[in-house]
Amino acid sequence: MAKLDSKERFSDRAANYARFRPTYPPAAIDCITPLAGHPNHAVLKAALQDLFAQYNENSSVRFEYKTEVLIGKL
């Protein structure tokens, strides 16, 4: 059996993953933002709402980033 890379193995499942992917509950978002009453709460909440309005697709925002992993002995 030929060894496939990750993209080849999962590309036929991507549509179903996107369709059925769970969303984060509001309580989870509240855990990573300053609480109401914090001096930066309103500013951060407004900035997040602006980002969501600009980049949302089907009520989701996608964060893409590159990661470099280095492996070796110390």
Protein backbone atom coordinates (compact mmCIF):
# COMPACT_ATOMS: atom_id res chain seq x y z
CA MET A 1 0.00 0.00 0.00
CA ALA A 2 1.38 3.40 -0.99
CA LYS A 3 1.98 5.84 1.82
CA LEU A 4 -0.07 9.03 1.38
CA ASP A 5 0.72 12.41 2.87
CA SER A 6 -1.76 14.03 5.28
CA LYS A 7 -3.36 16.20 2.63
CA GLU A 8 -4.05 13.22 0.39
CA ARG A 9 -5.40 11.10 3.25
CA PHE A 10 -7.84 13.67 4.60
CA SER A 11 -8.79 15.88 1.63
CA ASP A 12 -11.86 13.76 0.86
CA ARG A 13 -13.05 14.28 4.46
CA ALA A 14 -12.47 18.02 4.72
CA ALA A 15 -15.99 19.06 3.71
CA ASN A 16 -17.58 16.83 6.37
CA TYR A 17 -15.10 18.06 8.98
CA ALA A 18 -15.98 21.69 8.22
CA ARG A 19 -19.70 20.89 8.20
CA PHE A 20 -19.78 19.03 11.51
CA ARG A 21 -16.92 20.75 13.36
CA PRO A 22 -18.08 21.89 16.80
CA THR A 23 -18.00 25.57 17.62
CA TYR A 24 -16.59 27.02 20.80
CA PRO A 25 -19.19 27.81 23.44
CA PRO A 26 -19.33 31.46 24.58
CA ALA A 27 -18.02 30.40 28.01
CA ALA A 28 -14.78 29.21 26.39
CA ILE A 29 -14.29 32.60 24.74
CA ASP A 30 -15.02 34.33 28.04
CA CYS A 31 -12.16 32.35 29.60
CA ILE A 32 -9.57 33.88 27.25
CA THR A 33 -10.77 37.49 27.34
CA PRO A 34 -10.63 39.99 30.19
CA LEU A 35 -13.68 39.90 32.41
CA ALA A 36 -16.34 42.60 32.26
CA GLY A 37 -15.17 45.49 34.38
CA HIS A 38 -11.51 45.03 33.35
CA PRO A 39 -10.16 48.22 31.73
CA ASN A 40 -9.46 46.38 28.44
CA HIS A 41 -12.68 44.35 28.27
CA ALA A 42 -14.71 46.70 26.05
CA VAL A 43 -11.77 47.46 23.74
CA LEU A 44 -10.87 43.80 23.24
CA LYS A 45 -14.49 42.74 22.80
CA ALA A 46 -15.04 45.42 20.14
CA ALA A 47 -11.83 44.42 18.34
CA LEU A 48 -12.85 40.75 18.36
CA GLN A 49 -16.31 41.61 17.03
CA ASP A 50 -14.70 43.64 14.22
CA LEU A 51 -12.35 40.76 13.33
CA PHE A 52 -15.22 38.30 13.34
CA ALA A 53 -17.37 40.54 11.14
CA GLN A 54 -14.50 40.95 8.68
CA TYR A 55 -13.29 37.34 8.47
CA ASN A 56 -16.19 35.05 9.41
CA GLU A 57 -17.27 32.40 6.98
CA ASN A 58 -20.34 30.37 7.92
CA SER A 59 -20.14 31.75 11.47
CA SER A 60 -16.53 30.61 11.90
CA VAL A 61 -13.17 32.35 11.70
CA ARG A 62 -10.19 30.41 10.46
CA PHE A 63 -6.74 31.08 11.93
CA GLU A 64 -4.01 29.80 9.66
CA TYR A 65 -0.42 29.85 10.77
CA LYS A 66 2.86 28.17 10.01
CA THR A 67 4.75 26.18 12.59
CA GLU A 68 8.37 25.14 12.35
CA VAL A 69 9.34 22.05 14.32
CA LEU A 70 13.01 21.31 14.95
CA ILE A 71 14.07 17.86 16.08
CA GLY A 72 17.47 16.88 17.36
CA LYS A 73 19.54 15.70 20.27
CA LEU A 74 20.68 18.09 22.96
